[in-house]
Protein backbone atom coordinates (compact mmCIF):
# COMPACT_ATOMS: atom_id res chain seq x y z
CA MET A 1 38.77 30.67 46.10
CA LYS A 2 37.06 32.96 43.57
CA SER A 3 36.37 30.20 41.04
CA ARG A 4 35.02 27.92 43.77
CA ARG A 5 32.78 30.71 45.10
CA GLN A 6 31.50 31.42 41.61
CA ALA A 7 30.80 27.73 41.02
CA VAL A 8 28.75 27.70 44.23
CA ILE A 9 26.88 30.82 43.07
CA LEU A 10 25.93 29.05 39.84
CA GLU A 11 24.84 25.99 41.77
CA LEU A 12 22.71 28.13 44.09
CA VAL A 13 20.96 30.08 41.32
CA ASP A 14 20.26 26.82 39.47
CA ARG A 15 18.80 25.25 42.60
CA GLU A 16 16.52 27.96 43.99
CA PRO A 17 15.11 31.36 43.05
CA LEU A 18 17.40 34.01 44.54
CA HIS A 19 15.91 37.46 44.12
CA SER A 20 18.52 39.62 45.84
CA GLN A 21 22.24 39.89 46.43
CA GLU A 22 21.57 39.79 50.18
CA LEU A 23 19.81 36.43 49.90
CA LEU A 24 22.68 35.17 47.76
CA ARG A 25 25.16 36.44 50.37
CA ARG A 26 23.31 34.54 53.12
CA ARG A 27 23.29 31.32 51.08
CA LEU A 28 27.03 31.70 50.41
CA LYS A 29 27.65 32.23 54.12
CA GLN A 30 25.80 28.96 54.84
CA ARG A 31 28.22 27.28 52.43
CA GLY A 32 31.27 28.75 54.17
CA PHE A 33 31.88 31.87 52.04
CA ASP A 34 31.87 35.13 53.99
CA THR A 35 31.62 37.71 51.20
CA THR A 36 30.70 41.35 50.82
CA GLN A 37 27.96 42.78 48.65
CA ALA A 38 30.62 44.34 46.40
CA THR A 39 32.24 40.93 45.81
CA ILE A 40 28.88 39.35 45.03
CA SER A 41 28.08 42.19 42.65
CA ARG A 42 31.38 41.61 40.79
CA ASP A 43 30.75 37.85 40.69
CA ILE A 44 27.28 38.38 39.24
CA LYS A 45 28.71 40.64 36.56
CA GLU A 46 31.61 38.26 35.72
CA LEU A 47 29.25 35.27 35.55
CA GLY A 48 26.85 37.26 33.38
CA LEU A 49 23.88 36.43 35.59
CA VAL A 50 20.64 38.12 34.64
CA LYS A 51 17.30 38.53 36.34
CA ARG A 52 14.37 36.51 35.03
CA ALA A 53 11.48 38.54 33.71
CA GLY A 54 8.84 36.44 35.47
CA ASP A 55 9.98 36.55 39.09
CA GLY A 56 13.17 38.62 39.17
CA ALA A 57 15.38 35.74 40.32
CA TYR A 58 18.97 35.47 39.11
CA GLN A 59 19.68 32.96 36.35
CA ARG A 60 22.48 32.01 33.99
CA PRO A 61 22.57 33.98 30.77
CA GLY A 62 20.78 32.45 27.82
CA LEU A 63 18.39 30.33 29.85
CA GLU A 64 14.88 30.92 28.69
CA ALA A 65 12.10 30.71 31.20
CA ALA A 66 9.96 28.04 29.60
CA SER A 67 6.29 27.78 30.34
CA PRO A 68 5.06 24.78 32.36
CA GLU A 69 3.31 23.45 29.25
CA THR A 70 6.55 23.61 27.24
CA VAL A 71 8.63 21.74 29.83
CA LEU A 72 5.91 19.14 30.33
CA THR A 73 5.77 18.57 26.56
CA ALA A 74 9.57 18.22 26.52
CA LEU A 75 9.35 15.65 29.34
CA GLU A 76 6.63 13.76 27.48
CA ARG A 77 8.76 13.62 24.32
CA ALA A 78 11.91 12.60 26.22
CA ALA A 79 10.04 9.87 28.11
CA ALA A 80 8.46 8.55 24.91
CA GLU A 81 11.87 8.40 23.26
CA PHE A 82 14.16 7.23 26.09
CA VAL A 83 12.26 5.24 28.76
CA GLN A 84 12.91 1.52 28.51
CA ALA A 85 11.85 0.33 31.97
CA ILE A 86 10.56 1.77 35.24
CA ASP A 87 10.73 0.21 38.72
CA ARG A 88 9.57 1.62 42.05
CA VAL A 89 10.55 0.88 45.64
CA GLN A 90 8.61 3.03 48.10
CA GLN A 91 9.42 6.66 47.18
CA LEU A 92 12.34 5.73 44.90
CA VAL A 93 11.80 5.34 41.15
CA ILE A 94 14.43 3.78 38.90
CA VAL A 95 14.14 4.68 35.22
CA ARG A 96 16.19 2.72 32.67
CA THR A 97 17.13 4.27 29.32
CA GLY A 98 19.47 3.44 26.48
CA PRO A 99 23.18 4.23 26.86
CA GLY A 100 23.85 7.97 27.11
CA GLN A 101 20.17 8.92 27.39
CA ALA A 102 19.66 9.15 31.15
CA GLN A 103 21.08 12.67 31.54
CA THR A 104 18.72 14.10 28.93
CA LEU A 105 15.68 12.52 30.55
CA ALA A 106 16.82 13.50 34.07
CA PHE A 107 17.21 17.10 32.88
CA ALA A 108 13.68 17.03 31.43
CA LEU A 109 12.34 15.65 34.73
CA ASP A 110 14.13 18.34 36.72
CA ARG A 111 12.93 21.15 34.43
CA ALA A 112 9.32 19.94 34.62
CA ARG A 113 9.34 20.51 38.39
CA LEU A 114 6.65 17.93 38.98
CA PRO A 115 5.20 18.32 42.48
CA GLU A 116 5.85 14.68 43.36
CA VAL A 117 9.57 14.81 42.41
CA VAL A 118 12.16 15.94 44.96
CA GLY A 119 15.09 15.41 42.58
CA THR A 120 16.93 13.13 40.21
CA ILE A 121 20.35 11.55 39.89
CA GLY A 122 21.16 10.61 36.32
CA GLY A 123 23.85 8.18 35.27
CA ASP A 124 24.58 6.91 31.78
CA ASP A 125 21.54 4.67 31.34
CA THR A 126 19.81 4.85 34.74
CA ILE A 127 18.03 7.60 36.65
CA LEU A 128 17.19 7.56 40.34
CA VAL A 129 14.14 9.73 40.95
CA ILE A 130 13.34 10.56 44.55
CA ALA A 131 9.65 11.23 45.07
CA ARG A 132 7.97 12.95 48.03
CA GLY A 133 6.40 9.68 49.12
CA ALA A 134 5.17 6.31 47.96
CA ARG A 135 1.95 7.78 46.51
CA GLY A 136 3.89 10.45 44.61
CA ALA A 137 6.22 7.77 43.28
CA ALA A 138 3.29 5.66 42.12
CA ALA A 139 1.75 8.68 40.38
CA LEU A 140 5.08 9.47 38.72
CA VAL A 141 5.44 5.89 37.47
CA ARG A 142 1.93 6.03 35.97
CA GLN A 143 2.69 9.36 34.29
CA LEU A 144 6.03 8.20 32.85
CA LYS A 145 4.47 4.96 31.61
CA ASP A 146 1.67 6.95 29.96
CA PHE A 147 4.26 9.22 28.28
CA SER A 148 6.45 6.33 27.14
CA SER A 149 3.58 4.35 25.65
CA SER A 150 2.24 7.22 23.56
């Protein structure tokens, strides 16, 4: 139970900015874990979670809060190196890469937090990018094609 709860805590802090133990407790409760503040405090300590300097949200240790320019540059480099083909159907964008490259590019897309991207699912050589709408998907395709042709 403890390891599962801690895995959910890591998933939650990776997914959204959680600024307090109370907010973390509420999110855990939504996921079926009824915990006390003391338990959450111990979990945070055991997981080594730290508060980000910028906004005070919990994060995994060792993660550096990169500037938007840095993550966008990383996305541009990853797209230039890995994108082989891009297709779009409505708000869904399929990005093809070489074998073993999709996860790296999906991670770069997720870290960039582009406003038109809801999320990604990365396989071995294919990424499914879910955009906020057809226009957002079209803009994303243009941006990725610009990055990959540079």
